[in-house]
Amino acid sequence: MKLWLGVMLLSIEIHGACSLKDRRQVVHSLIGRLKRHFNASAADLGPEGLWNLAEIGAVCSGSSSHETASRLEEMCLCAERSEEEGEFEILNLQREVHAYGDL
């Protein structure tokens, strides 16, 4: 049996961010949404000191490649729907599914 991991790396530009507080509000909102809706692990990866840019990493797991890829796709669509709200623009979106070990 294998554990399947879905990894999403998201680079965004935050519109109108004038402070770290503005940046944090947008990033924490998106991270919270991913955690709540997909039971995913997600984190702000930086860059530190820039208010208008952010990198977000998120990981989900599953028991099959199809299940994991499907959940990962839904996570990406969630980020794209959030982009439509106009607070940020997606600059880069990467996703991969990996098999881990023979459990």
PDB file of N, CA and C in Angstrom:
ATOM      1  N   MET A   1       0.844  -1.180   0.000  1.00  0.00           N
ATOM      2  CA  MET A   1       0.000   0.000   0.000  1.00  0.00           C
ATOM      3  C   MET A   1       0.888   1.242   0.000  1.00  0.00           C
ATOM      4  N   LYS A   2       0.470   2.261  -0.724  1.00  0.00           N
ATOM      5  CA  LYS A   2       1.217   3.507  -0.814  1.00  0.00           C
ATOM      6  C   LYS A   2       0.404   4.658  -0.251  1.00  0.00           C
ATOM      7  N   LEU A   3       1.121   5.625   0.247  1.00  0.00           N
ATOM      8  CA  LEU A   3       0.522   6.896   0.650  1.00  0.00           C
ATOM      9  C   LEU A   3       0.740   7.855  -0.508  1.00  0.00           C
ATOM     10  N   TRP A   4      -0.308   8.538  -0.916  1.00  0.00           N
ATOM     11  CA  TRP A   4      -0.219   9.494  -2.013  1.00  0.00           C
ATOM     12  C   TRP A   4      -0.294  10.902  -1.446  1.00  0.00           C
ATOM     13  N   LEU A   5       0.634  11.759  -1.881  1.00  0.00           N
ATOM     14  CA  LEU A   5       0.693  13.146  -1.427  1.00  0.00           C
ATOM     15  C   LEU A   5       0.485  14.080  -2.608  1.00  0.00           C
ATOM     16  N   GLY A   6      -0.392  15.037  -2.433  1.00  0.00           N
ATOM     17  CA  GLY A   6      -0.610  16.083  -3.430  1.00  0.00           C
ATOM     18  C   GLY A   6      -0.016  17.376  -2.898  1.00  0.00           C
ATOM     19  N   VAL A   7       0.825  18.015  -3.691  1.00  0.00           N
ATOM     20  CA  VAL A   7       1.523  19.231  -3.275  1.00  0.00           C
ATOM     21  C   VAL A   7       1.139  20.372  -4.211  1.00  0.00           C
ATOM     22  N   MET A   8       0.752  21.507  -3.624  1.00  0.00           N
ATOM     23  CA  MET A   8       0.432  22.699  -4.401  1.00  0.00           C
ATOM     24  C   MET A   8       1.321  23.842  -3.918  1.00  0.00           C
ATOM     25  N   LEU A   9       1.994  24.498  -4.858  1.00  0.00           N
ATOM     26  CA  LEU A   9       2.769  25.699  -4.568  1.00  0.00           C
ATOM     27  C   LEU A   9       2.135  26.846  -5.337  1.00  0.00           C
ATOM     28  N   LEU A  10       1.807  27.900  -4.617  1.00  0.00           N
ATOM     29  CA  LEU A  10       1.052  29.010  -5.174  1.00  0.00           C
ATOM     30  C   LEU A  10       1.799  30.311  -4.910  1.00  0.00           C
ATOM     31  N   SER A  11       2.070  31.065  -5.969  1.00  0.00           N
ATOM     32  CA  SER A  11       2.665  32.398  -5.840  1.00  0.00           C
ATOM     33  C   SER A  11       1.594  33.415  -6.202  1.00  0.00           C
ATOM     34  N   ILE A  12       1.402  34.400  -5.323  1.00  0.00           N
ATOM     35  CA  ILE A  12       0.370  35.399  -5.571  1.00  0.00           C
ATOM     36  C   ILE A  12       0.916  36.811  -5.389  1.00  0.00           C
ATOM     37  N   GLU A  13       0.269  37.739  -6.082  1.00  0.00           N
ATOM     38  CA  GLU A  13       0.508  39.165  -5.880  1.00  0.00           C
ATOM     39  C   GLU A  13      -0.749  39.725  -5.244  1.00  0.00           C
ATOM     40  N   ILE A  14      -0.581  40.418  -4.128  1.00  0.00           N
ATOM     41  CA  ILE A  14      -1.715  40.921  -3.368  1.00  0.00           C
ATOM     42  C   ILE A  14      -1.968  42.370  -3.762  1.00  0.00           C
ATOM     43  N   HIS A  15      -3.147  42.636  -4.305  1.00  0.00           N
ATOM     44  CA  HIS A  15      -3.505  43.972  -4.762  1.00  0.00           C
ATOM     45  C   HIS A  15      -3.780  44.895  -3.571  1.00  0.00           C
ATOM     46  N   GLY A  16      -3.221  46.072  -3.618  1.00  0.00           N
ATOM     47  CA  GLY A  16      -3.522  47.096  -2.627  1.00  0.00           C
ATOM     48  C   GLY A  16      -2.951  46.857  -1.247  1.00  0.00           C
ATOM     49  N   ALA A  17      -2.022  45.924  -1.106  1.00  0.00           N
ATOM     50  CA  ALA A  17      -1.433  45.672   0.209  1.00  0.00           C
ATOM     51  C   ALA A  17      -0.460  46.792   0.549  1.00  0.00           C
ATOM     52  N   CYS A  18      -0.737  47.484   1.637  1.00  0.00           N
ATOM     53  CA  CYS A  18       0.099  48.607   2.068  1.00  0.00           C
ATOM     54  C   CYS A  18       0.838  48.306   3.366  1.00  0.00           C
ATOM     55  N   SER A  19       0.591  47.133   3.921  1.00  0.00           N
ATOM     56  CA  SER A  19       1.222  46.784   5.184  1.00  0.00           C
ATOM     57  C   SER A  19       1.270  45.270   5.324  1.00  0.00           C
ATOM     58  N   LEU A  20       2.032  44.837   6.309  1.00  0.00           N
ATOM     59  CA  LEU A  20       2.093  43.419   6.621  1.00  0.00           C
ATOM     60  C   LEU A  20       0.718  42.903   7.052  1.00  0.00           C
ATOM     61  N   LYS A  21      -0.049  43.740   7.713  1.00  0.00           N
ATOM     62  CA  LYS A  21      -1.398  43.364   8.148  1.00  0.00           C
ATOM     63  C   LYS A  21      -2.291  43.058   6.944  1.00  0.00           C
ATOM     64  N   ASP A  22      -2.205  43.883   5.888  1.00  0.00           N
ATOM     65  CA  ASP A  22      -2.979  43.637   4.669  1.00  0.00           C
ATOM     66  C   ASP A  22      -2.597  42.296   4.048  1.00  0.00           C
ATOM     67  N   ARG A  23      -1.291  42.043   3.984  1.00  0.00           N
ATOM     68  CA  ARG A  23      -0.793  40.790   3.412  1.00  0.00           C
ATOM     69  C   ARG A  23      -1.288  39.605   4.227  1.00  0.00           C
ATOM     70  N   ARG A  24      -1.125  39.704   5.527  1.00  0.00           N
ATOM     71  CA  ARG A  24      -1.498  38.615   6.431  1.00  0.00           C
ATOM     72  C   ARG A  24      -2.979  38.285   6.319  1.00  0.00           C
ATOM     73  N   GLN A  25      -3.817  39.284   6.172  1.00  0.00           N
ATOM     74  CA  GLN A  25      -5.260  39.064   6.071  1.00  0.00           C
ATOM     75  C   GLN A  25      -5.600  38.206   4.851  1.00  0.00           C
ATOM     76  N   VAL A  26      -5.019  38.538   3.714  1.00  0.00           N
ATOM     77  CA  VAL A  26      -5.296  37.786   2.484  1.00  0.00           C
ATOM     78  C   VAL A  26      -4.732  36.368   2.576  1.00  0.00           C
ATOM     79  N   VAL A  27      -3.493  36.255   3.020  1.00  0.00           N
ATOM     80  CA  VAL A  27      -2.831  34.948   3.080  1.00  0.00           C
ATOM     81  C   VAL A  27      -3.517  34.029   4.086  1.00  0.00           C
ATOM     82  N   HIS A  28      -3.818  34.537   5.268  1.00  0.00           N
ATOM     83  CA  HIS A  28      -4.458  33.704   6.283  1.00  0.00           C
ATOM     84  C   HIS A  28      -5.866  33.293   5.861  1.00  0.00           C
ATOM     85  N   SER A  29      -6.560  34.146   5.149  1.00  0.00           N
ATOM     86  CA  SER A  29      -7.889  33.802   4.648  1.00  0.00           C
ATOM     87  C   SER A  29      -7.813  32.623   3.680  1.00  0.00           C
ATOM     88  N   LEU A  30      -6.873  32.677   2.745  1.00  0.00           N
ATOM     89  CA  LEU A  30      -6.729  31.602   1.767  1.00  0.00           C
ATOM     90  C   LEU A  30      -6.256  30.310   2.433  1.00  0.00           C
ATOM     91  N   ILE A  31      -5.284  30.407   3.323  1.00  0.00           N
ATOM     92  CA  ILE A  31      -4.796  29.223   4.025  1.00  0.00           C
ATOM     93  C   ILE A  31      -5.924  28.594   4.850  1.00  0.00           C
ATOM     94  N   GLY A  32      -6.691  29.408   5.548  1.00  0.00           N
ATOM     95  CA  GLY A  32      -7.808  28.895   6.340  1.00  0.00           C
ATOM     96  C   GLY A  32      -8.836  28.182   5.486  1.00  0.00           C
ATOM     97  N   ARG A  33      -9.115  28.733   4.325  1.00  0.00           N
ATOM     98  CA  ARG A  33     -10.082  28.120   3.407  1.00  0.00           C
ATOM     99  C   ARG A  33      -9.594  26.743   2.962  1.00  0.00           C
ATOM    100  N   LEU A  34      -8.322  26.642   2.608  1.00  0.00           N
ATOM    101  CA  LEU A  34      -7.761  25.362   2.170  1.00  0.00           C
ATOM    102  C   LEU A  34      -7.793  24.335   3.304  1.00  0.00           C
ATOM    103  N   LYS A  35      -7.471  24.766   4.510  1.00  0.00           N
ATOM    104  CA  LYS A  35      -7.481  23.848   5.654  1.00  0.00           C
ATOM    105  C   LYS A  35      -8.882  23.367   5.976  1.00  0.00           C
ATOM    106  N   ARG A  36      -9.843  24.297   5.992  1.00  0.00           N
ATOM    107  CA  ARG A  36     -11.226  23.953   6.354  1.00  0.00           C
ATOM    108  C   ARG A  36     -11.894  23.042   5.330  1.00  0.00           C
ATOM    109  N   HIS A  37     -11.792  23.414   4.074  1.00  0.00           N
ATOM    110  CA  HIS A  37     -12.550  22.710   3.038  1.00  0.00           C
ATOM    111  C   HIS A  37     -11.904  21.408   2.574  1.00  0.00           C
ATOM    112  N   PHE A  38     -10.596  21.290   2.708  1.00  0.00           N
ATOM    113  CA  PHE A  38      -9.908  20.131   2.137  1.00  0.00           C
ATOM    114  C   PHE A  38      -9.098  19.345   3.157  1.00  0.00           C
ATOM    115  N   ASN A  39      -9.172  19.739   4.422  1.00  0.00           N
ATOM    116  CA  ASN A  39      -8.398  19.070   5.469  1.00  0.00           C
ATOM    117  C   ASN A  39      -6.934  18.976   5.046  1.00  0.00           C
ATOM    118  N   ALA A  40      -6.433  20.049   4.479  1.00  0.00           N
ATOM    119  CA  ALA A  40      -5.067  20.101   3.972  1.00  0.00           C
ATOM    120  C   ALA A  40      -4.161  20.803   4.978  1.00  0.00           C
ATOM    121  N   SER A  41      -2.891  20.532   4.868  1.00  0.00           N
ATOM    122  CA  SER A  41      -1.893  21.313   5.594  1.00  0.00           C
ATOM    123  C   SER A  41      -1.457  22.428   4.666  1.00  0.00           C
ATOM    124  N   ALA A  42      -1.394  23.646   5.169  1.00  0.00           N
ATOM    125  CA  ALA A  42      -1.027  24.788   4.340  1.00  0.00           C
ATOM    126  C   ALA A  42      -0.196  25.759   5.162  1.00  0.00           C
ATOM    127  N   ALA A  43       0.723  26.454   4.480  1.00  0.00           N
ATOM    128  CA  ALA A  43       1.609  27.375   5.195  1.00  0.00           C
ATOM    129  C   ALA A  43       2.009  28.537   4.303  1.00  0.00           C
ATOM    130  N   ASP A  44       2.279  29.660   4.950  1.00  0.00           N
ATOM    131  CA  ASP A  44       2.835  30.845   4.297  1.00  0.00           C
ATOM    132  C   ASP A  44       4.340  30.621   4.195  1.00  0.00           C
ATOM    133  N   LEU A  45       4.867  30.578   2.980  1.00  0.00           N
ATOM    134  CA  LEU A  45       6.279  30.280   2.762  1.00  0.00           C
ATOM    135  C   LEU A  45       7.124  31.531   2.540  1.00  0.00           C
ATOM    136  N   GLY A  46       6.494  32.714   2.590  1.00  0.00           N
ATOM    137  CA  GLY A  46       7.253  33.955   2.418  1.00  0.00           C
ATOM    138  C   GLY A  46       6.849  34.636   1.133  1.00  0.00           C
ATOM    139  N   PRO A  47       7.642  35.513   0.612  1.00  0.00           N
ATOM    140  CA  PRO A  47       8.907  36.016   1.139  1.00  0.00           C
ATOM    141  C   PRO A  47       8.663  37.013   2.270  1.00  0.00           C
ATOM    142  N   GLU A  48       9.551  37.024   3.218  1.00  0.00           N
ATOM    143  CA  GLU A  48       9.438  37.946   4.343  1.00  0.00           C
ATOM    144  C   GLU A  48       9.796  39.359   3.896  1.00  0.00           C
ATOM    145  N   GLY A  49       9.120  40.326   4.457  1.00  0.00           N
ATOM    146  CA  GLY A  49       9.433  41.717   4.194  1.00  0.00           C
ATOM    147  C   GLY A  49       8.770  42.326   2.976  1.00  0.00           C
ATOM    148  N   LEU A  50       8.058  41.534   2.188  1.00  0.00           N
ATOM    149  CA  LEU A  50       7.335  42.061   1.027  1.00  0.00           C
ATOM    150  C   LEU A  50       5.841  41.975   1.301  1.00  0.00           C
ATOM    151  N   TRP A  51       5.166  43.089   1.180  1.00  0.00           N
ATOM    152  CA  TRP A  51       3.740  43.129   1.483  1.00  0.00           C
ATOM    153  C   TRP A  51       2.867  42.630   0.352  1.00  0.00           C
ATOM    154  N   ASN A  52       3.327  42.770  -0.875  1.00  0.00           N
ATOM    155  CA  ASN A  52       2.445  42.488  -2.001  1.00  0.00           C
ATOM    156  C   ASN A  52       2.676  41.121  -2.651  1.00  0.00           C
ATOM    157  N   LEU A  53       3.616  40.334  -2.144  1.00  0.00           N
ATOM    158  CA  LEU A  53       3.875  39.008  -2.704  1.00  0.00           C
ATOM    159  C   LEU A  53       3.779  37.955  -1.611  1.00  0.00           C
ATOM    160  N   ALA A  54       3.325  36.764  -1.999  1.00  0.00           N
ATOM    161  CA  ALA A  54       3.261  35.658  -1.044  1.00  0.00           C
ATOM    162  C   ALA A  54       3.399  34.336  -1.792  1.00  0.00           C
ATOM    163  N   GLU A  55       3.987  33.385  -1.105  1.00  0.00           N
ATOM    164  CA  GLU A  55       4.087  32.006  -1.588  1.00  0.00           C
ATOM    165  C   GLU A  55       3.370  31.149  -0.550  1.00  0.00           C
ATOM    166  N   ILE A  56       2.501  30.301  -1.026  1.00  0.00           N
ATOM    167  CA  ILE A  56       1.724  29.435  -0.150  1.00  0.00           C
ATOM    168  C   ILE A  56       1.950  27.997  -0.595  1.00  0.00           C
ATOM    169  N   GLY A  57       2.220  27.140   0.368  1.00  0.00           N
ATOM    170  CA  GLY A  57       2.357  25.719   0.097  1.00  0.00           C
ATOM    171  C   GLY A  57       1.225  24.974   0.777  1.00  0.00           C
ATOM    172  N   ALA A  58       0.673  23.987   0.089  1.00  0.00           N
ATOM    173  CA  ALA A  58      -0.406  23.178   0.665  1.00  0.00           C
ATOM    174  C   ALA A  58      -0.207  21.721   0.261  1.00  0.00           C
ATOM    175  N   VAL A  59      -0.551  20.826   1.176  1.00  0.00           N
ATOM    176  CA  VAL A  59      -0.370  19.394   0.944  1.00  0.00           C
ATOM    177  C   VAL A  59      -1.633  18.655   1.368  1.00  0.00           C
ATOM    178  N   CYS A  60      -2.044  17.698   0.540  1.00  0.00           N
ATOM    179  CA  CYS A  60      -3.146  16.812   0.900  1.00  0.00           C
ATOM    180  C   CYS A  60      -2.662  15.378   0.711  1.00  0.00           C
ATOM    181  N   SER A  61      -3.380  14.434   1.278  1.00  0.00           N
ATOM    182  CA  SER A  61      -2.983  13.035   1.146  1.00  0.00           C
ATOM    183  C   SER A  61      -4.198  12.192   0.797  1.00  0.00           C
ATOM    184  N   GLY A  62      -3.911  10.995   0.299  1.00  0.00           N
ATOM    185  CA  GLY A  62      -4.987  10.080  -0.055  1.00  0.00           C
ATOM    186  C   GLY A  62      -4.469   8.672  -0.204  1.00  0.00           C
ATOM    187  N   SER A  63      -5.393   7.750  -0.415  1.00  0.00           N
ATOM    188  CA  SER A  63      -5.031   6.340  -0.531  1.00  0.00           C
ATOM    189  C   SER A  63      -4.842   5.887  -1.974  1.00  0.00           C
ATOM    190  N   SER A  64      -5.141   6.779  -2.941  1.00  0.00           N
ATOM    191  CA  SER A  64      -4.920   6.448  -4.348  1.00  0.00           C
ATOM    192  C   SER A  64      -4.484   7.699  -5.091  1.00  0.00           C
ATOM    193  N   SER A  65      -3.835   7.486  -6.219  1.00  0.00           N
ATOM    194  CA  SER A  65      -3.382   8.636  -7.008  1.00  0.00           C
ATOM    195  C   SER A  65      -4.576   9.426  -7.532  1.00  0.00           C
ATOM    196  N   HIS A  66      -5.637   8.739  -7.921  1.00  0.00           N
ATOM    197  CA  HIS A  66      -6.823   9.414  -8.459  1.00  0.00           C
ATOM    198  C   HIS A  66      -7.488  10.278  -7.393  1.00  0.00           C
ATOM    199  N   GLU A  67      -7.680   9.732  -6.200  1.00  0.00           N
ATOM    200  CA  GLU A  67      -8.299  10.476  -5.106  1.00  0.00           C
ATOM    201  C   GLU A  67      -7.469  11.716  -4.756  1.00  0.00           C
ATOM    202  N   THR A  68      -6.155  11.545  -4.680  1.00  0.00           N
ATOM    203  CA  THR A  68      -5.270  12.653  -4.309  1.00  0.00           C
ATOM    204  C   THR A  68      -5.237  13.709  -5.401  1.00  0.00           C
ATOM    205  N   ALA A  69      -5.149  13.290  -6.658  1.00  0.00           N
ATOM    206  CA  ALA A  69      -5.130  14.238  -7.774  1.00  0.00           C
ATOM    207  C   ALA A  69      -6.442  15.015  -7.846  1.00  0.00           C
ATOM    208  N   SER A  70      -7.548  14.341  -7.565  1.00  0.00           N
ATOM    209  CA  SER A  70      -8.850  15.000  -7.586  1.00  0.00           C
ATOM    210  C   SER A  70      -8.942  16.048  -6.478  1.00  0.00           C
ATOM    211  N   ARG A  71      -8.517  15.700  -5.275  1.00  0.00           N
ATOM    212  CA  ARG A  71      -8.539  16.659  -4.166  1.00  0.00           C
ATOM    213  C   ARG A  71      -7.614  17.840  -4.455  1.00  0.00           C
ATOM    214  N   LEU A  72      -6.445  17.554  -5.019  1.00  0.00           N
ATOM    215  CA  LEU A  72      -5.498  18.605  -5.372  1.00  0.00           C
ATOM    216  C   LEU A  72      -6.088  19.546  -6.418  1.00  0.00           C
ATOM    217  N   GLU A  73      -6.771  18.996  -7.394  1.00  0.00           N
ATOM    218  CA  GLU A  73      -7.427  19.812  -8.421  1.00  0.00           C
ATOM    219  C   GLU A  73      -8.482  20.721  -7.793  1.00  0.00           C
ATOM    220  N   GLU A  74      -9.253  20.193  -6.853  1.00  0.00           N
ATOM    221  CA  GLU A  74     -10.254  21.008  -6.169  1.00  0.00           C
ATOM    222  C   GLU A  74      -9.602  22.131  -5.359  1.00  0.00           C
ATOM    223  N   MET A  75      -8.452  21.852  -4.763  1.00  0.00           N
ATOM    224  CA  MET A  75      -7.729  22.883  -4.019  1.00  0.00           C
ATOM    225  C   MET A  75      -7.283  24.001  -4.965  1.00  0.00           C
ATOM    226  N   CYS A  76      -6.792  23.624  -6.136  1.00  0.00           N
ATOM    227  CA  CYS A  76      -6.369  24.619  -7.126  1.00  0.00           C
ATOM    228  C   CYS A  76      -7.554  25.447  -7.611  1.00  0.00           C
ATOM    229  N   LEU A  77      -8.678  24.801  -7.847  1.00  0.00           N
ATOM    230  CA  LEU A  77      -9.882  25.527  -8.266  1.00  0.00           C
ATOM    231  C   LEU A  77     -10.357  26.481  -7.177  1.00  0.00           C
ATOM    232  N   CYS A  78     -10.219  26.078  -5.926  1.00  0.00           N
ATOM    233  CA  CYS A  78     -10.575  26.951  -4.804  1.00  0.00           C
ATOM    234  C   CYS A  78      -9.707  28.208  -4.815  1.00  0.00           C
ATOM    235  N   ALA A  79      -8.410  28.039  -5.045  1.00  0.00           N
ATOM    236  CA  ALA A  79      -7.504  29.193  -5.114  1.00  0.00           C
ATOM    237  C   ALA A  79      -7.884  30.094  -6.286  1.00  0.00           C
ATOM    238  N   GLU A  80      -8.237  29.499  -7.422  1.00  0.00           N
ATOM    239  CA  GLU A  80      -8.621  30.293  -8.594  1.00  0.00           C
ATOM    240  C   GLU A  80      -9.935  31.035  -8.354  1.00  0.00           C
ATOM    241  N   ARG A  81     -10.875  30.400  -7.661  1.00  0.00           N
ATOM    242  CA  ARG A  81     -12.129  31.091  -7.320  1.00  0.00           C
ATOM    243  C   ARG A  81     -11.854  32.247  -6.365  1.00  0.00           C
ATOM    244  N   SER A  82     -10.951  32.037  -5.426  1.00  0.00           N
ATOM    245  CA  SER A  82     -10.578  33.108  -4.495  1.00  0.00           C
ATOM    246  C   SER A  82      -9.936  34.270  -5.245  1.00  0.00           C
ATOM    247  N   GLU A  83      -9.173  33.954  -6.285  1.00  0.00           N
ATOM    248  CA  GLU A  83      -8.547  34.999  -7.100  1.00  0.00           C
ATOM    249  C   GLU A  83      -9.613  35.880  -7.750  1.00  0.00           C
ATOM    250  N   GLU A  84     -10.727  35.285  -8.140  1.00  0.00           N
ATOM    251  CA  GLU A  84     -11.803  36.031  -8.786  1.00  0.00           C
ATOM    252  C   GLU A  84     -12.427  37.075  -7.871  1.00  0.00           C
ATOM    253  N   GLU A  85     -12.257  36.912  -6.564  1.00  0.00           N
ATOM    254  CA  GLU A  85     -12.762  37.895  -5.614  1.00  0.00           C
ATOM    255  C   GLU A  85     -11.975  39.203  -5.694  1.00  0.00           C
ATOM    256  N   GLY A  86     -10.808  39.167  -6.327  1.00  0.00           N
ATOM    257  CA  GLY A  86     -10.080  40.387  -6.636  1.00  0.00           C
ATOM    258  C   GLY A  86      -9.040  40.851  -5.637  1.00  0.00           C
ATOM    259  N   GLU A  87      -8.797  40.090  -4.550  1.00  0.00           N
ATOM    260  CA  GLU A  87      -7.810  40.530  -3.573  1.00  0.00           C
ATOM    261  C   GLU A  87      -6.384  40.226  -4.013  1.00  0.00           C
ATOM    262  N   PHE A  88      -6.231  39.229  -4.879  1.00  0.00           N
ATOM    263  CA  PHE A  88      -4.892  38.854  -5.335  1.00  0.00           C
ATOM    264  C   PHE A  88      -4.951  38.285  -6.744  1.00  0.00           C
ATOM    265  N   GLU A  89      -3.763  38.176  -7.341  1.00  0.00           N
ATOM    266  CA  GLU A  89      -3.609  37.575  -8.659  1.00  0.00           C
ATOM    267  C   GLU A  89      -2.645  36.408  -8.535  1.00  0.00           C
ATOM    268  N   ILE A  90      -2.987  35.284  -9.127  1.00  0.00           N
ATOM    269  CA  ILE A  90      -2.096  34.131  -9.115  1.00  0.00           C
ATOM    270  C   ILE A  90      -1.005  34.351 -10.157  1.00  0.00           C
ATOM    271  N   LEU A  91       0.241  34.333  -9.701  1.00  0.00           N
ATOM    272  CA  LEU A  91       1.382  34.486 -10.591  1.00  0.00           C
ATOM    273  C   LEU A  91       1.892  33.138 -11.081  1.00  0.00           C
ATOM    274  N   ASN A  92       1.820  32.142 -10.213  1.00  0.00           N
ATOM    275  CA  ASN A  92       2.293  30.810 -10.568  1.00  0.00           C
ATOM    276  C   ASN A  92       1.563  29.785  -9.704  1.00  0.00           C
ATOM    277  N   LEU A  93       1.174  28.693 -10.314  1.00  0.00           N
ATOM    278  CA  LEU A  93       0.485  27.618  -9.599  1.00  0.00           C
ATOM    279  C   LEU A  93       1.071  26.298 -10.075  1.00  0.00           C
ATOM    280  N   GLN A  94       1.705  25.590  -9.160  1.00  0.00           N
ATOM    281  CA  GLN A  94       2.293  24.293  -9.479  1.00  0.00           C
ATOM    282  C   GLN A  94       1.616  23.234  -8.625  1.00  0.00           C
ATOM    283  N   ARG A  95       1.477  22.053  -9.196  1.00  0.00           N
ATOM    284  CA  ARG A  95       0.894  20.939  -8.437  1.00  0.00           C
ATOM    285  C   ARG A  95       1.524  19.638  -8.890  1.00  0.00           C
ATOM    286  N   GLU A  96       1.702  18.754  -7.932  1.00  0.00           N
ATOM    287  CA  GLU A  96       2.295  17.450  -8.199  1.00  0.00           C
ATOM    288  C   GLU A  96       1.672  16.420  -7.268  1.00  0.00           C
ATOM    289  N   VAL A  97       1.607  15.192  -7.734  1.00  0.00           N
ATOM    290  CA  VAL A  97       1.165  14.075  -6.911  1.00  0.00           C
ATOM    291  C   VAL A  97       2.323  13.085  -6.836  1.00  0.00           C
ATOM    292  N   HIS A  98       2.651  12.665  -5.615  1.00  0.00           N
ATOM    293  CA  HIS A  98       3.773  11.765  -5.388  1.00  0.00           C
ATOM    294  C   HIS A  98       3.309  10.543  -4.593  1.00  0.00           C
ATOM    295  N   ALA A  99       3.899   9.401  -4.900  1.00  0.00           N
ATOM    296  CA  ALA A  99       3.678   8.195  -4.107  1.00  0.00           C
ATOM    297  C   ALA A  99       4.790   8.107  -3.071  1.00  0.00           C
ATOM    298  N   TYR A 100       4.424   7.689  -1.881  1.00  0.00           N
ATOM    299  CA  TYR A 100       5.398   7.593  -0.807  1.00  0.00           C
ATOM    300  C   TYR A 100       5.380   6.185  -0.248  1.00  0.00           C
ATOM    301  N   GLY A 101       6.483   5.472  -0.436  1.00  0.00           N
ATOM    302  CA  GLY A 101       6.723   4.191   0.214  1.00  0.00           C
ATOM    303  C   GLY A 101       5.766   3.078  -0.091  1.00  0.00           C
ATOM    304  N   ASP A 102       6.100   1.951   0.419  1.00  0.00           N
ATOM    305  CA  ASP A 102       5.251   0.754   0.396  1.00  0.00           C
ATOM    306  C   ASP A 102       4.886   0.438   1.828  1.00  0.00           C
ATOM    307  N   LEU A 103       3.733   0.942   2.252  1.00  0.00           N
ATOM    308  CA  LEU A 103       3.328   0.764   3.649  1.00  0.00           C
ATOM    309  C   LEU A 103       2.659  -0.565   3.858  1.00  0.00           C
TER     310      LEU A 103
END
